[in-house]
């Protein structure tokens, strides 16, 4: 296993490590519902991205689940 030939000085080590610092995550606000959103990601609450509807959002998902439950109830009552 190779061993370093010479010891690195404090300055050289610190210069190398200067790029290791963590950076703050940028966040923005959804223009539609004012929720905190990561950049380039669809809003989780309303489902919009760049001013257009991409996903259903929470309300739409709840509606579809409710429709499925009603449909199952109708099927079970028919039998």
Protein backbone atom coordinates (compact mmCIF):
# COMPACT_ATOMS: atom_id res chain seq x y z
CA UNK A 1 0.00 0.00 0.00
CA UNK A 2 1.52 3.34 -1.01
CA UNK A 3 2.49 5.88 1.60
CA UNK A 4 2.68 9.64 0.99
CA UNK A 5 6.23 10.71 0.26
CA UNK A 6 5.94 14.11 1.94
CA UNK A 7 3.73 15.62 4.59
CA UNK A 8 1.13 18.14 3.39
CA UNK A 9 1.30 21.54 5.03
CA UNK A 10 -1.69 23.06 6.83
CA UNK A 11 -2.11 25.56 4.02
CA UNK A 12 -2.21 22.92 1.30
CA UNK A 13 -4.70 20.79 3.26
CA UNK A 14 -6.96 23.79 3.98
CA UNK A 15 -6.86 24.93 0.35
CA UNK A 16 -7.98 21.48 -0.74
CA UNK A 17 -10.77 21.38 1.84
CA UNK A 18 -12.04 24.89 1.02
CA UNK A 19 -14.45 23.36 -1.52
CA UNK A 20 -15.91 20.83 0.93
CA UNK A 21 -18.23 23.30 2.69
CA UNK A 22 -21.98 22.65 2.47
CA UNK A 23 -24.05 25.25 0.69
CA UNK A 24 -27.52 26.44 1.65
CA UNK A 25 -30.38 24.97 -0.33
CA UNK A 26 -32.21 27.59 -2.34
CA UNK A 27 -35.96 27.58 -1.88
CA UNK A 28 -38.63 29.61 -3.60
CA UNK A 29 -42.32 30.29 -3.06
CA UNK A 30 -45.04 28.80 -5.26
CA UNK A 31 -46.79 31.69 -7.04
CA UNK A 32 -50.13 29.87 -6.88
CA UNK A 33 -50.40 28.70 -3.26
CA UNK A 34 -47.39 30.41 -1.58
CA UNK A 35 -45.94 27.09 -0.38
CA UNK A 36 -42.16 26.67 0.00
CA UNK A 37 -40.84 24.77 -3.03
CA UNK A 38 -37.42 23.57 -4.14
CA UNK A 39 -36.31 25.03 -7.48
CA UNK A 40 -37.18 23.07 -10.66
CA UNK A 41 -39.61 20.84 -8.75
CA UNK A 42 -43.40 20.70 -8.95
CA UNK A 43 -45.32 22.15 -6.01
CA UNK A 44 -46.52 19.32 -3.75
CA UNK A 45 -49.63 21.18 -2.59
CA UNK A 46 -51.15 22.51 -5.81
CA UNK A 47 -49.27 20.50 -8.46
CA UNK A 48 -48.21 23.48 -10.58
CA UNK A 49 -44.88 24.08 -12.28
CA UNK A 50 -43.98 27.24 -14.18
CA UNK A 51 -47.57 28.47 -14.08
CA UNK A 52 -49.24 25.37 -15.51
CA UNK A 53 -50.98 22.40 -13.89
CA UNK A 54 -48.73 19.35 -14.02
CA UNK A 55 -50.04 17.16 -11.21
CA UNK A 56 -53.42 16.91 -9.58
CA UNK A 57 -52.36 18.24 -6.21
CA UNK A 58 -53.67 17.00 -2.86
CA UNK A 59 -57.31 17.96 -3.47
CA UNK A 60 -57.45 16.16 -6.82
CA UNK A 61 -55.89 13.04 -5.34
CA UNK A 62 -58.42 13.06 -2.49
CA UNK A 63 -61.25 13.37 -5.04
CA UNK A 64 -60.05 10.37 -7.05
CA UNK A 65 -59.68 8.27 -3.91
CA UNK A 66 -63.18 9.26 -2.84
CA UNK A 67 -64.56 8.28 -6.26
CA UNK A 68 -62.92 4.86 -6.03
CA UNK A 69 -64.40 4.28 -2.57
CA UNK A 70 -67.90 5.23 -3.79
CA UNK A 71 -67.51 2.98 -6.82
CA UNK A 72 -66.50 0.01 -4.64
CA UNK A 73 -69.48 0.61 -2.36
CA UNK A 74 -71.83 0.58 -5.36
CA UNK A 75 -70.30 -2.67 -6.62
CA UNK A 76 -70.69 -4.38 -3.25
CA UNK A 77 -74.32 -3.25 -2.86
CA UNK A 78 -75.24 -4.64 -6.31
CA UNK A 79 -74.01 -8.12 -5.44
